[in-house]
Amino acid sequence: MSKLAEFRRAERELQKQMALLEQLQADTSLQREMGFEEKLQALMAD
């Protein structure tokens, strides 16, 4: 595979991953789970 083709493939994969990340960041259930995890870690640190 040429360097340019490899770069283009990586670029497409990155775009897919960024779209998935944006979806996950907008997911309210994930936000609640992350908030719970932060609170739990804070309690365990005490």
C-alpha atoms as a PDB file:
ATOM      1  CA  MET A   1       0.000   0.000   0.000  1.00  0.00           C
ATOM      2  CA  SER A   2       1.359   3.375  -0.914  1.00  0.00           C
ATOM      3  CA  LYS A   3       1.900   5.978   1.766  1.00  0.00           C
ATOM      4  CA  LEU A   4      -0.855   8.142   0.288  1.00  0.00           C
ATOM      5  CA  ALA A   5      -3.371   5.269   0.292  1.00  0.00           C
ATOM      6  CA  GLU A   6      -2.390   4.399   3.860  1.00  0.00           C
ATOM      7  CA  PHE A   7      -2.850   8.036   4.877  1.00  0.00           C
ATOM      8  CA  ARG A   8      -6.285   8.234   3.214  1.00  0.00           C
ATOM      9  CA  ARG A   9      -7.386   5.009   4.917  1.00  0.00           C
ATOM     10  CA  ALA A  10      -6.235   6.275   8.303  1.00  0.00           C
ATOM     11  CA  GLU A  11      -7.976   9.579   7.665  1.00  0.00           C
ATOM     12  CA  ARG A  12     -11.292   7.797   6.908  1.00  0.00           C
ATOM     13  CA  GLU A  13     -10.958   5.655  10.024  1.00  0.00           C
ATOM     14  CA  LEU A  14     -10.271   8.731  12.130  1.00  0.00           C
ATOM     15  CA  GLN A  15     -13.391  10.427  10.778  1.00  0.00           C
ATOM     16  CA  LYS A  16     -15.469   7.357  11.701  1.00  0.00           C
ATOM     17  CA  GLN A  17     -13.990   7.313  15.194  1.00  0.00           C
ATOM     18  CA  MET A  18     -14.620  11.041  15.651  1.00  0.00           C
ATOM     19  CA  ALA A  19     -18.271  10.592  14.635  1.00  0.00           C
ATOM     20  CA  LEU A  20     -18.623   7.753  17.144  1.00  0.00           C
ATOM     21  CA  LEU A  21     -17.006   9.876  19.856  1.00  0.00           C
ATOM     22  CA  GLU A  22     -19.438  12.720  19.181  1.00  0.00           C
ATOM     23  CA  GLN A  23     -22.363  10.293  19.434  1.00  0.00           C
ATOM     24  CA  LEU A  24     -21.098   8.925  22.721  1.00  0.00           C
ATOM     25  CA  GLN A  25     -20.503  12.395  24.149  1.00  0.00           C
ATOM     26  CA  ALA A  26     -24.143  13.271  23.427  1.00  0.00           C
ATOM     27  CA  ASP A  27     -25.429  10.055  25.058  1.00  0.00           C
ATOM     28  CA  THR A  28     -27.145  11.011  28.318  1.00  0.00           C
ATOM     29  CA  SER A  29     -26.917   7.516  29.782  1.00  0.00           C
ATOM     30  CA  LEU A  30     -23.152   7.568  29.237  1.00  0.00           C
ATOM     31  CA  GLN A  31     -22.944  10.987  30.882  1.00  0.00           C
ATOM     32  CA  ARG A  32     -24.823   9.646  33.933  1.00  0.00           C
ATOM     33  CA  GLU A  33     -22.526   6.622  34.096  1.00  0.00           C
ATOM     34  CA  MET A  34     -19.424   8.828  33.900  1.00  0.00           C
ATOM     35  CA  GLY A  35     -20.809  11.084  36.645  1.00  0.00           C
ATOM     36  CA  PHE A  36     -21.460   8.044  38.836  1.00  0.00           C
ATOM     37  CA  GLU A  37     -17.938   6.774  38.231  1.00  0.00           C
ATOM     38  CA  GLU A  38     -16.445  10.148  39.212  1.00  0.00           C
ATOM     39  CA  LYS A  39     -18.490  10.252  42.422  1.00  0.00           C
ATOM     40  CA  LEU A  40     -17.560   6.672  43.253  1.00  0.00           C
ATOM     41  CA  GLN A  41     -13.860   7.354  42.737  1.00  0.00           C
ATOM     42  CA  ALA A  42     -14.116  10.456  44.919  1.00  0.00           C
ATOM     43  CA  LEU A  43     -15.732   8.404  47.696  1.00  0.00           C
ATOM     44  CA  MET A  44     -13.075   5.707  47.441  1.00  0.00           C
ATOM     45  CA  ALA A  45     -10.319   8.328  47.618  1.00  0.00           C
ATOM     46  CA  ASP A  46     -11.594   9.590  50.990  1.00  0.00           C
END
